[in-house]
């Protein structure tokens, strides 16, 4: 196996640290997207003190809002675990860090997919008790939400695939958990 050098440095340590920094940046971006999805749903309900009508949709919004906060927290904890383990492959702790990252990205995938599908259903076939949004594709909050959710879906799928590839490549290819 050949070893690359960048400005006279072997690729082993420098690129591993760079990979950890990139993973941390991606984890931070995912956390911010999750918080943005929550914020959009708070805005769509006109604040934290109101509940969308019908009640079941309002409680669904609350689930998205709380889910966004928990997803962001999980992704940030995975970034922190990745930073702590970067450069130090601890066989007994690295799998736990990767599991936390997988949990965070799976939650992010769900957080992006569920409201996106709900939005599409509300605009096409309508939802029980809320047929008034059928055809209302111009709602700016909904459009912003679609972009945020689509971005979160793409990022989550790519990170879950990367984590899966890293897990199948073995510990030699994985200096620490991806976040």
Protein backbone atom coordinates (compact mmCIF):
# COMPACT_ATOMS: atom_id res chain seq x y z
CA UNK A 1 0.00 0.00 0.00
CA UNK A 2 1.38 3.42 -0.89
CA UNK A 3 1.44 6.35 1.45
CA UNK A 4 0.55 9.82 0.22
CA UNK A 5 2.39 12.85 1.43
CA UNK A 6 1.04 16.36 1.59
CA UNK A 7 3.64 19.09 2.12
CA UNK A 8 6.05 16.52 3.50
CA UNK A 9 3.63 15.03 6.02
CA UNK A 10 2.50 11.40 5.89
CA UNK A 11 -1.17 10.92 5.23
CA UNK A 12 -1.82 8.83 8.33
CA UNK A 13 -2.17 11.54 10.99
CA UNK A 14 -2.83 14.68 9.01
CA UNK A 15 -5.66 13.33 6.91
CA UNK A 16 -7.23 11.50 9.83
CA UNK A 17 -7.39 14.75 11.72
CA UNK A 18 -8.72 16.50 8.60
CA UNK A 19 -11.36 13.77 8.21
CA UNK A 20 -12.44 14.26 11.82
CA UNK A 21 -12.72 18.01 11.24
CA UNK A 22 -14.81 17.43 8.11
CA UNK A 23 -17.04 14.98 9.98
CA UNK A 24 -17.47 17.54 12.75
CA UNK A 25 -18.46 20.18 10.20
CA UNK A 26 -21.00 17.85 8.60
CA UNK A 27 -22.39 16.93 12.03
CA UNK A 28 -22.72 20.61 12.90
CA UNK A 29 -24.49 21.27 9.58
CA UNK A 30 -26.91 18.41 10.31
CA UNK A 31 -27.61 19.76 13.78
CA UNK A 32 -28.31 23.23 12.37
CA UNK A 33 -30.66 21.79 9.75
CA UNK A 34 -32.51 19.85 12.46
CA UNK A 35 -32.90 23.03 14.51
CA UNK A 36 -34.07 24.91 11.41
CA UNK A 37 -36.75 22.27 10.74
CA UNK A 38 -37.96 22.76 14.33
CA UNK A 39 -37.91 26.54 13.99
CA UNK A 40 -39.93 26.45 10.76
CA UNK A 41 -42.61 24.36 12.43
CA UNK A 42 -42.73 26.73 15.41
CA UNK A 43 -43.14 29.63 12.97
CA UNK A 44 -45.88 27.81 11.06
CA UNK A 45 -47.87 27.45 14.30
CA UNK A 46 -47.37 31.15 15.13
CA UNK A 47 -45.14 30.44 18.11
CA UNK A 48 -44.63 28.03 20.96
CA UNK A 49 -47.86 28.85 22.75
CA UNK A 50 -50.22 28.00 19.88
CA UNK A 51 -51.25 24.64 18.51
CA UNK A 52 -52.14 24.10 14.85
CA UNK A 53 -55.68 23.04 14.04
CA UNK A 54 -56.77 20.21 14.07
CA UNK A 55 -55.15 19.18 17.34
CA UNK A 56 -53.54 16.02 15.95
CA UNK A 57 -51.60 18.11 13.43
CA UNK A 58 -50.59 20.53 16.19
CA UNK A 59 -49.25 17.66 18.29
CA UNK A 60 -47.48 16.33 15.21
CA UNK A 61 -45.79 19.72 14.90
CA UNK A 62 -44.78 19.49 18.56
CA UNK A 63 -43.26 16.06 17.91
CA UNK A 64 -41.27 17.51 15.00
CA UNK A 65 -40.13 20.46 17.12
CA UNK A 66 -38.98 18.30 20.03
CA UNK A 67 -37.56 15.71 17.63
CA UNK A 68 -35.51 18.41 15.94
CA UNK A 69 -34.02 19.49 19.25
CA UNK A 70 -33.22 15.91 20.27
CA UNK A 71 -31.75 15.14 16.85
CA UNK A 72 -29.53 18.22 16.98
CA UNK A 73 -28.37 17.27 20.48
CA UNK A 74 -27.59 13.70 19.39
CA UNK A 75 -25.63 14.90 16.36
CA UNK A 76 -23.68 17.37 18.50
CA UNK A 77 -22.89 14.64 21.05
CA UNK A 78 -21.69 12.42 18.20
CA UNK A 79 -19.42 15.26 17.00
CA UNK A 80 -18.07 15.64 20.52
CA UNK A 81 -17.47 11.89 20.80
CA UNK A 82 -15.70 11.95 17.43
CA UNK A 83 -13.47 14.81 18.54
CA UNK A 84 -12.58 13.06 21.79
CA UNK A 85 -11.74 9.81 20.01
CA UNK A 86 -10.00 11.34 16.98
CA UNK A 87 -6.45 10.08 16.79
CA UNK A 88 -7.08 7.58 19.58
CA UNK A 89 -8.75 4.42 18.38
CA UNK A 90 -10.10 2.90 21.55
CA UNK A 91 -11.61 -0.40 20.47
CA UNK A 92 -14.09 -0.48 23.32
CA UNK A 93 -15.31 3.13 22.89
CA UNK A 94 -15.14 3.76 19.14
CA UNK A 95 -18.15 1.51 18.34
CA UNK A 96 -20.24 3.42 20.89
CA UNK A 97 -19.32 6.71 19.20
CA UNK A 98 -20.24 5.31 15.80
CA UNK A 99 -23.52 4.00 17.21
CA UNK A 100 -24.33 7.48 18.51
CA UNK A 101 -23.56 8.94 15.09
CA UNK A 102 -25.77 6.32 13.38
CA UNK A 103 -28.59 7.09 15.83
CA UNK A 104 -28.28 10.82 15.20
CA UNK A 105 -28.27 10.47 11.42
CA UNK A 106 -31.16 7.98 11.46
CA UNK A 107 -33.16 10.43 13.59
CA UNK A 108 -32.24 13.22 11.17
CA UNK A 109 -33.45 11.09 8.26
CA UNK A 110 -36.78 10.54 10.02
CA UNK A 111 -36.99 14.24 10.95
CA UNK A 112 -36.56 15.21 7.32
CA UNK A 113 -38.76 12.52 5.76
CA UNK A 114 -41.87 12.55 7.97
CA UNK A 115 -42.76 16.26 7.68
CA UNK A 116 -41.86 16.30 3.98
CA UNK A 117 -44.28 13.44 3.31
CA UNK A 118 -46.90 15.12 5.51
CA UNK A 119 -46.53 18.35 3.55
CA UNK A 120 -46.86 16.54 0.23
CA UNK A 121 -49.95 14.66 1.46
CA UNK A 122 -51.55 17.87 2.77
CA UNK A 123 -51.06 19.58 -0.59
CA UNK A 124 -52.17 16.67 -2.81
CA UNK A 125 -54.81 14.44 -1.17
CA UNK A 126 -55.44 16.45 1.99
CA UNK A 127 -55.26 15.40 5.61
CA UNK A 128 -58.17 14.32 7.82
CA UNK A 129 -59.72 17.46 9.28
CA UNK A 130 -57.54 19.76 7.17
CA UNK A 131 -58.50 19.76 3.51
CA UNK A 132 -57.91 23.53 3.20
CA UNK A 133 -54.25 23.18 2.19
CA UNK A 134 -54.88 21.07 -0.91
CA UNK A 135 -53.17 22.88 -3.79
CA UNK A 136 -51.57 25.52 -1.52
CA UNK A 137 -48.04 25.11 -2.90
CA UNK A 138 -47.14 28.79 -2.53
CA UNK A 139 -46.98 28.95 1.27
CA UNK A 140 -43.48 30.34 1.92
CA UNK A 141 -43.05 28.58 5.27
CA UNK A 142 -43.89 25.27 3.62
CA UNK A 143 -41.45 25.86 0.78
CA UNK A 144 -38.64 26.76 3.20
CA UNK A 145 -39.51 23.65 5.20
CA UNK A 146 -39.31 21.49 2.07
CA UNK A 147 -35.82 22.76 1.25
CA UNK A 148 -34.58 22.24 4.80
CA UNK A 149 -36.07 18.76 5.02
CA UNK A 150 -34.71 17.74 1.60
CA UNK A 151 -31.25 18.95 2.62
CA UNK A 152 -31.47 17.01 5.86
CA UNK A 153 -32.56 13.87 4.00
CA UNK A 154 -29.68 14.09 1.51
CA UNK A 155 -27.13 14.75 4.25
CA UNK A 156 -28.49 11.96 6.46
CA UNK A 157 -28.53 9.35 3.72
CA UNK A 158 -25.00 10.24 2.65
CA UNK A 159 -23.71 10.08 6.23
CA UNK A 160 -25.48 6.79 6.97
CA UNK A 161 -23.96 5.30 3.80
CA UNK A 162 -20.52 6.62 4.78
CA UNK A 163 -20.85 5.15 8.28
CA UNK A 164 -21.90 1.83 6.79
CA UNK A 165 -18.95 1.84 4.39
CA UNK A 166 -16.60 2.72 7.22
CA UNK A 167 -17.98 -0.10 9.37
CA UNK A 168 -17.54 -2.67 6.60
CA UNK A 169 -14.02 -1.39 5.78
CA UNK A 170 -12.83 -2.33 9.26
CA UNK A 171 -10.96 -0.49 11.99
CA UNK A 172 -7.88 0.24 9.86
CA UNK A 173 -9.91 2.63 7.68
CA UNK A 174 -11.73 4.22 10.58
CA UNK A 175 -9.62 6.35 12.93
CA UNK A 176 -12.67 7.41 14.96
CA UNK A 177 -16.44 7.72 14.72
CA UNK A 178 -17.89 9.91 12.02
CA UNK A 179 -20.29 12.50 13.30
